[in-house]
C-alpha cells in the first residue's frame, strides 16, 4: 500500500517534470537552433541508454528483423516527427500552449485506431473526440497572446506544427502497440529512441553543433541535461516503474496532467498569460479525454452483441 502511494506521488512529479520540458525547450530556443537542440538532446540520451541496451541485448524474445524495421520507423516518428516539430513550434509559440497541443496525441490515437484498426465508435467516444477536437482548435487558434484576430499568424503556424507533432506521436503509439504486447515497454522505447537518434547524424553536416554548444550558457546546459537525462532517460525509467506497480491504465492516466502542468509552468516561470482560448481549450481537450476513459470503464457490449474491444489506447512515455 505504501509503495503504491509513493509511486502515485512519483507519477505526479514525473508529469510535472514533463510539463516543465516545454519550458526548457522554450528557454533553449533562445540559445541554440531547434535542429541542434534535437541533435544534442538525443545524442546525450542515446549515450545514457546504451548501457541498458547492451545489458539487455540477449533478452528473450529477441527482436526479429521486421520488428527492428518497425522500431526504426517509430524512432523516426518520435525523434523527427514529434520532438523536432515541437522544437520548431516553440521557436515562436508559447511554451504552455505548445505543451497542451503536443499532448493532444490521444485524440489522434483514437482517430488512427478507428481508421486502421476499424475500432467502433460509441457515443462516449464520439462526444469525447468532438470535445477534444474543439479544444485543440481553440488552443491552436486562440491559445497564444497573439491570436489570429491580432495578426499572430507566426505563432498559430508554429502551433499547427506542434499539432502535426501530436499526430506523429499518435502514429508512433499505434505502430509500437503490437511490440508492446510481446516485449518489455522500456526496452522497446529505448531501442526506438536510439535508432531514431542515429538517423539524425547526417544533420551534423548542416549545423555547427560543437560551435553552438560551446556558446551555450551554464543555464542552457542545465536545461539540456534536464531534457536529455531527466525527462528522457530518467523519465522513461520512472514511467516504466509506474506501469509495473500501478498498471498501464492507471499510469497512462497521469499523462493527462502534462498539459495543465505545462500551462502552469509557462505562467509561473515565463509570465505567459492564461488566455481565454488556452483555458477553455485545455479544459475541453481534457474533458473529452476523460469522457472517452469513462466510456471505456463502463460495462458495455460491442457491436453485434460481441464483447467490446480493448481500451482505446495505452499511451507511451513521450518526453
Protein backbone atom coordinates (compact mmCIF):
# COMPACT_ATOMS: atom_id res chain seq x y z
CA UNK A 1 0.00 0.00 0.00
CA UNK A 2 2.75 2.42 0.98
CA UNK A 3 4.65 1.54 -2.21
CA UNK A 4 1.62 2.38 -4.35
CA UNK A 5 1.14 5.73 -2.62
CA UNK A 6 4.81 6.50 -3.23
CA UNK A 7 4.52 5.64 -6.91
CA UNK A 8 1.38 7.74 -7.30
CA UNK A 9 3.41 10.65 -5.93
CA UNK A 10 6.30 9.86 -8.28
CA UNK A 11 3.93 9.86 -11.26
CA UNK A 12 2.68 13.34 -10.32
CA UNK A 13 6.28 14.58 -10.04
CA UNK A 14 7.14 12.94 -13.36
CA UNK A 15 4.26 14.61 -15.21
CA UNK A 16 5.23 17.93 -13.62
CA UNK A 17 8.77 17.43 -14.98
CA UNK A 18 7.44 16.54 -18.43
CA UNK A 19 5.33 19.71 -18.34
CA UNK A 20 8.48 21.64 -17.43
CA UNK A 21 10.19 20.15 -20.51
CA UNK A 22 8.28 22.61 -22.72
CA UNK A 23 9.71 25.49 -20.67
CA UNK A 24 13.19 24.03 -21.12
CA UNK A 25 12.74 23.84 -24.90
CA UNK A 26 11.49 27.43 -24.99
CA UNK A 27 14.45 28.64 -22.92
CA UNK A 28 16.94 26.79 -25.11
CA UNK A 29 15.35 28.10 -28.32
CA UNK A 30 16.91 31.46 -27.50
CA UNK A 31 20.43 30.00 -27.31
CA UNK A 32 20.57 27.16 -29.84
CA UNK A 33 18.84 26.26 -33.11
CA UNK A 34 15.94 23.83 -32.93
CA UNK A 35 17.87 21.30 -35.07
CA UNK A 36 20.97 21.44 -32.87
CA UNK A 37 18.80 21.15 -29.77
CA UNK A 38 17.27 17.92 -31.06
CA UNK A 39 20.67 16.54 -32.02
CA UNK A 40 22.28 17.35 -28.67
CA UNK A 41 19.34 16.13 -26.62
CA UNK A 42 19.06 12.72 -28.24
CA UNK A 43 22.77 12.08 -28.71
CA UNK A 44 23.17 12.57 -24.94
CA UNK A 45 20.10 10.46 -24.20
CA UNK A 46 21.31 7.68 -26.51
CA UNK A 47 24.68 7.56 -24.80
CA UNK A 48 22.92 7.21 -21.45
CA UNK A 49 20.61 4.46 -22.79
CA UNK A 50 23.38 2.39 -24.42
CA UNK A 51 24.42 0.57 -21.21
CA UNK A 52 20.80 -0.53 -20.72
CA UNK A 53 20.56 -1.79 -24.31
CA UNK A 54 23.86 -3.66 -24.04
CA UNK A 55 22.77 -5.28 -20.78
CA UNK A 56 19.50 -6.44 -22.37
CA UNK A 57 20.89 -7.33 -25.81
CA UNK A 58 20.32 -11.07 -25.28
CA UNK A 59 16.97 -10.75 -23.59
CA UNK A 60 14.27 -13.09 -24.91
CA UNK A 61 12.35 -12.83 -27.08
CA UNK A 62 14.78 -11.06 -29.40
CA UNK A 63 13.59 -8.54 -31.93
CA UNK A 64 13.02 -10.02 -35.39
CA UNK A 65 14.19 -8.06 -38.45
CA UNK A 66 10.65 -6.93 -39.21
CA UNK A 67 10.28 -5.68 -35.65
CA UNK A 68 13.57 -3.80 -35.93
CA UNK A 69 12.27 -2.01 -39.02
CA UNK A 70 9.15 -1.08 -37.05
CA UNK A 71 11.38 0.25 -34.24
CA UNK A 72 13.34 2.32 -36.76
CA UNK A 73 10.17 3.78 -38.26
CA UNK A 74 8.83 4.53 -34.79
CA UNK A 75 12.10 6.17 -33.81
CA UNK A 76 11.92 8.46 -36.85
CA UNK A 77 8.34 9.38 -35.98
CA UNK A 78 9.35 10.17 -32.39
CA UNK A 79 12.65 11.99 -32.89
CA UNK A 80 11.90 13.76 -36.17
CA UNK A 81 8.11 13.84 -36.38
CA UNK A 82 7.43 14.72 -32.75
CA UNK A 83 10.44 16.23 -30.99
CA UNK A 84 11.93 18.16 -33.92
CA UNK A 85 8.48 19.57 -34.77
CA UNK A 86 7.89 20.61 -31.14
CA UNK A 87 11.30 22.31 -31.06
CA UNK A 88 10.43 24.21 -34.23
CA UNK A 89 6.99 25.11 -32.91
CA UNK A 90 8.41 26.59 -29.73
CA UNK A 91 10.63 29.00 -31.67
CA UNK A 92 7.53 31.24 -31.79
CA UNK A 93 4.66 29.59 -29.90
CA UNK A 94 4.28 29.98 -26.10
CA UNK A 95 5.52 27.00 -24.10
CA UNK A 96 2.21 26.44 -22.29
CA UNK A 97 0.09 26.40 -25.44
CA UNK A 98 2.65 24.17 -27.17
CA UNK A 99 2.50 21.75 -24.24
CA UNK A 100 -1.28 21.49 -24.49
CA UNK A 101 -1.30 20.95 -28.27
CA UNK A 102 1.55 18.42 -28.09
CA UNK A 103 -0.41 16.41 -25.55
CA UNK A 104 -3.44 16.13 -27.81
CA UNK A 105 -1.94 12.94 -29.28
CA UNK A 106 -4.56 10.65 -27.62
CA UNK A 107 -7.15 12.33 -29.87
CA UNK A 108 -5.17 11.28 -32.94
CA UNK A 109 -4.62 7.79 -31.49
CA UNK A 110 -8.40 7.33 -31.40
CA UNK A 111 -8.80 8.55 -34.97
CA UNK A 112 -5.97 6.35 -36.28
CA UNK A 113 -7.33 3.32 -34.41
CA UNK A 114 -10.76 3.89 -35.94
CA UNK A 115 -9.31 4.24 -39.44
CA UNK A 116 -6.70 1.48 -39.47
CA UNK A 117 -7.98 -0.93 -36.82
CA UNK A 118 -11.65 -0.37 -37.59
CA UNK A 119 -12.47 0.20 -33.93
CA UNK A 120 -16.13 1.04 -33.36
CA UNK A 121 -17.15 4.49 -32.13
CA UNK A 122 -19.76 4.54 -29.35
CA UNK A 123 -21.50 7.71 -28.17
CA UNK A 124 -19.00 8.29 -25.33
CA UNK A 125 -16.08 8.18 -27.73
CA UNK A 126 -17.86 10.35 -30.33
CA UNK A 127 -18.70 13.06 -27.77
CA UNK A 128 -15.23 12.89 -26.22
CA UNK A 129 -13.45 13.17 -29.57
CA UNK A 130 -15.67 16.10 -30.59
CA UNK A 131 -14.93 17.97 -27.35
CA UNK A 132 -11.19 17.29 -27.58
CA UNK A 133 -11.06 18.40 -31.21
CA UNK A 134 -12.90 21.62 -30.33
CA UNK A 135 -10.39 22.21 -27.53
CA UNK A 136 -7.45 21.62 -29.88
CA UNK A 137 -8.83 24.14 -32.37
CA UNK A 138 -9.36 26.70 -29.60
CA UNK A 139 -5.82 26.36 -28.23
CA UNK A 140 -4.25 26.43 -31.70
CA UNK A 141 -6.18 29.47 -32.92
CA UNK A 142 -6.64 31.45 -29.69
CA UNK A 143 -4.26 29.92 -27.15
CA UNK A 144 -1.41 32.39 -27.65
CA UNK A 145 -1.47 36.09 -26.71
CA UNK A 146 -1.15 36.98 -30.43
CA UNK A 147 -4.20 35.17 -31.81
CA UNK A 148 -5.32 35.05 -35.42
CA UNK A 149 -7.53 38.09 -34.91
CA UNK A 150 -4.50 40.02 -33.66
CA UNK A 151 -2.31 39.02 -36.60
CA UNK A 152 -0.25 36.39 -34.76
CA UNK A 153 -0.06 34.06 -37.74
CA UNK A 154 3.51 33.05 -36.90
CA UNK A 155 2.51 31.65 -33.52
CA UNK A 156 -0.51 29.89 -35.00
CA UNK A 157 1.66 28.37 -37.74
CA UNK A 158 4.07 27.06 -35.11
CA UNK A 159 1.21 25.63 -33.05
CA UNK A 160 0.00 23.84 -36.20
CA UNK A 161 3.49 22.32 -36.46
CA UNK A 162 3.09 21.12 -32.86
CA UNK A 163 -0.29 19.62 -33.78
CA UNK A 164 1.46 17.66 -36.55
CA UNK A 165 3.93 16.54 -33.88
CA UNK A 166 1.00 15.18 -31.84
CA UNK A 167 -0.19 13.30 -34.93
CA UNK A 168 3.30 11.83 -35.35
CA UNK A 169 3.31 10.68 -31.74
CA UNK A 170 -0.08 9.05 -32.23
CA UNK A 171 1.29 7.15 -35.24
CA UNK A 172 4.31 6.15 -33.12
CA UNK A 173 2.00 4.83 -30.39
CA UNK A 174 -0.18 2.83 -32.79
CA UNK A 175 2.85 1.48 -34.64
CA UNK A 176 4.53 0.19 -31.47
CA UNK A 177 1.40 -1.29 -29.90
CA UNK A 178 1.93 -4.86 -31.25
CA UNK A 179 5.54 -4.87 -29.99
CA UNK A 180 4.48 -3.71 -26.51
CA UNK A 181 2.32 -6.83 -26.20
CA UNK A 182 5.41 -9.04 -26.62
CA UNK A 183 8.42 -7.07 -25.40
CA UNK A 184 9.29 -5.04 -22.31
CA UNK A 185 7.94 -1.47 -22.70
CA UNK A 186 11.19 0.19 -21.58
CA UNK A 187 13.24 -1.97 -23.97
CA UNK A 188 11.01 -1.06 -26.94
CA UNK A 189 11.11 2.64 -26.07
CA UNK A 190 14.88 2.67 -25.59
CA UNK A 191 15.57 0.91 -28.90
CA UNK A 192 13.23 3.21 -30.81
CA UNK A 193 14.83 6.28 -29.20
CA UNK A 194 18.39 5.23 -30.04
CA UNK A 195 17.55 4.19 -33.61
CA UNK A 196 15.66 7.42 -34.20
CA UNK A 197 18.59 9.40 -32.78
CA UNK A 198 21.04 7.72 -35.15
CA UNK A 199 19.01 8.83 -38.17
CA UNK A 200 19.77 12.42 -37.18
CA UNK A 201 23.53 12.06 -37.67
CA UNK A 202 23.52 13.40 -41.28
CA UNK A 203 22.23 16.70 -39.86
CA UNK A 204 25.65 17.22 -38.28
CA UNK A 205 26.83 18.31 -41.74
CA UNK A 206 24.20 21.07 -41.83
CA UNK A 207 24.67 22.69 -38.40
CA UNK A 208 27.64 23.75 -36.30
CA UNK A 209 26.74 21.68 -33.26
CA UNK A 210 30.13 21.99 -31.47
CA UNK A 211 30.13 25.76 -32.02
CA UNK A 212 26.58 26.19 -30.75
CA UNK A 213 27.25 24.04 -27.70
CA UNK A 214 30.42 25.99 -26.91
CA UNK A 215 28.34 29.18 -26.74
CA UNK A 216 25.68 27.61 -24.55
CA UNK A 217 25.35 29.28 -21.14
CA UNK A 218 25.51 27.39 -17.85
CA UNK A 219 21.75 27.78 -17.54
CA UNK A 220 21.38 26.37 -21.05
CA UNK A 221 23.50 23.32 -20.19
CA UNK A 222 21.33 22.74 -17.11
CA UNK A 223 18.18 22.80 -19.25
CA UNK A 224 19.76 20.49 -21.81
CA UNK A 225 20.80 18.00 -19.12
CA UNK A 226 17.30 18.19 -17.67
CA UNK A 227 15.76 17.36 -21.08
CA UNK A 228 18.20 14.60 -22.04
CA UNK A 229 18.90 12.83 -18.78
CA UNK A 230 15.96 13.89 -16.65
CA UNK A 231 12.94 13.91 -18.96
CA UNK A 232 14.07 11.30 -21.47
CA UNK A 233 16.26 8.76 -19.64
CA UNK A 234 15.13 9.04 -16.00
CA UNK A 235 11.59 9.81 -17.14
CA UNK A 236 11.39 6.58 -19.15
CA UNK A 237 12.68 4.58 -16.18
CA UNK A 238 10.21 6.10 -13.71
CA UNK A 239 7.27 5.74 -16.08
CA UNK A 240 8.14 2.10 -16.71
CA UNK A 241 8.34 1.53 -12.95
CA UNK A 242 4.95 3.20 -12.57
CA UNK A 243 3.49 0.80 -15.15
CA UNK A 244 4.90 -2.18 -13.24
CA UNK A 245 3.50 -1.08 -9.86
CA UNK A 246 0.27 0.74 -10.79
CA UNK A 247 -0.59 -0.95 -14.09
CA UNK A 248 -0.53 0.58 -17.59
CA UNK A 249 -4.06 2.01 -17.46
CA UNK A 250 -3.57 3.87 -14.18
CA UNK A 251 -0.08 5.05 -15.13
CA UNK A 252 -1.26 6.37 -18.51
CA UNK A 253 -3.98 8.46 -16.83
CA UNK A 254 -1.29 10.59 -15.21
CA UNK A 255 -0.09 11.69 -18.65
CA UNK A 256 -3.15 13.94 -18.89
CA UNK A 257 -1.53 16.14 -16.21
CA UNK A 258 1.34 17.10 -18.52
CA UNK A 259 -0.77 19.66 -20.44
CA UNK A 260 -2.04 21.63 -17.40
CA UNK A 261 1.43 21.47 -15.83
CA UNK A 262 2.95 23.00 -18.99
CA UNK A 263 0.43 25.85 -18.78
CA UNK A 264 1.16 26.32 -15.06
CA UNK A 265 4.95 26.39 -15.58
CA UNK A 266 4.59 28.80 -18.51
CA UNK A 267 2.60 31.18 -16.31
CA UNK A 268 4.88 30.85 -13.26
CA UNK A 269 8.31 30.84 -14.94
CA UNK A 270 7.80 32.81 -18.14
CA UNK A 271 4.84 35.02 -17.30
CA UNK A 272 2.78 33.61 -20.18
CA UNK A 273 -0.82 34.87 -19.90
CA UNK A 274 -3.64 32.41 -19.39
CA UNK A 275 -5.79 33.45 -22.34
CA UNK A 276 -9.46 32.53 -22.59
CA UNK A 277 -8.75 30.32 -25.61
CA UNK A 278 -5.99 28.48 -23.77
CA UNK A 279 -8.07 27.95 -20.61
CA UNK A 280 -11.23 26.78 -22.37
CA UNK A 281 -9.31 24.79 -24.97
CA UNK A 282 -7.33 22.90 -22.33
CA UNK A 283 -10.49 22.20 -20.35
CA UNK A 284 -12.36 20.90 -23.41
CA UNK A 285 -9.40 18.77 -24.50
CA UNK A 286 -9.08 17.10 -21.09
CA UNK A 287 -12.86 16.75 -20.66
CA UNK A 288 -13.05 14.92 -23.97
CA UNK A 289 -10.29 12.50 -22.98
CA UNK A 290 -11.95 11.84 -19.62
CA UNK A 291 -15.27 11.10 -21.34
CA UNK A 292 -13.56 8.50 -23.52
CA UNK A 293 -11.87 6.99 -20.46
CA UNK A 294 -15.20 6.93 -18.61
CA UNK A 295 -16.86 5.17 -21.53
CA UNK A 296 -14.11 2.53 -21.58
CA UNK A 297 -14.72 1.74 -17.91
CA UNK A 298 -18.49 1.32 -18.18
CA UNK A 299 -19.77 -2.26 -18.70
CA UNK A 300 -20.90 -2.49 -22.28
CA UNK A 301 -21.14 -4.76 -25.27
CA UNK A 302 -19.58 -4.16 -28.62
CA UNK A 303 -21.43 -4.00 -31.92
CA UNK A 304 -23.46 -7.07 -32.85
CA UNK A 305 -23.56 -8.24 -29.22
CA UNK A 306 -19.84 -9.10 -29.20
CA UNK A 307 -17.66 -8.06 -26.26
CA UNK A 308 -16.33 -4.55 -26.65
CA UNK A 309 -12.75 -4.23 -27.81
CA UNK A 310 -9.79 -3.44 -25.60
CA UNK A 311 -9.28 0.08 -24.21
CA UNK A 312 -8.65 2.64 -26.94
CA UNK A 313 -5.05 3.35 -26.08
CA UNK A 314 -2.06 2.55 -23.96
CA UNK A 315 -0.02 5.72 -24.04
CA UNK A 316 3.73 5.54 -24.43
CA UNK A 317 6.03 7.82 -22.45
CA UNK A 318 6.87 10.84 -24.56
CA UNK A 319 9.20 13.40 -23.10
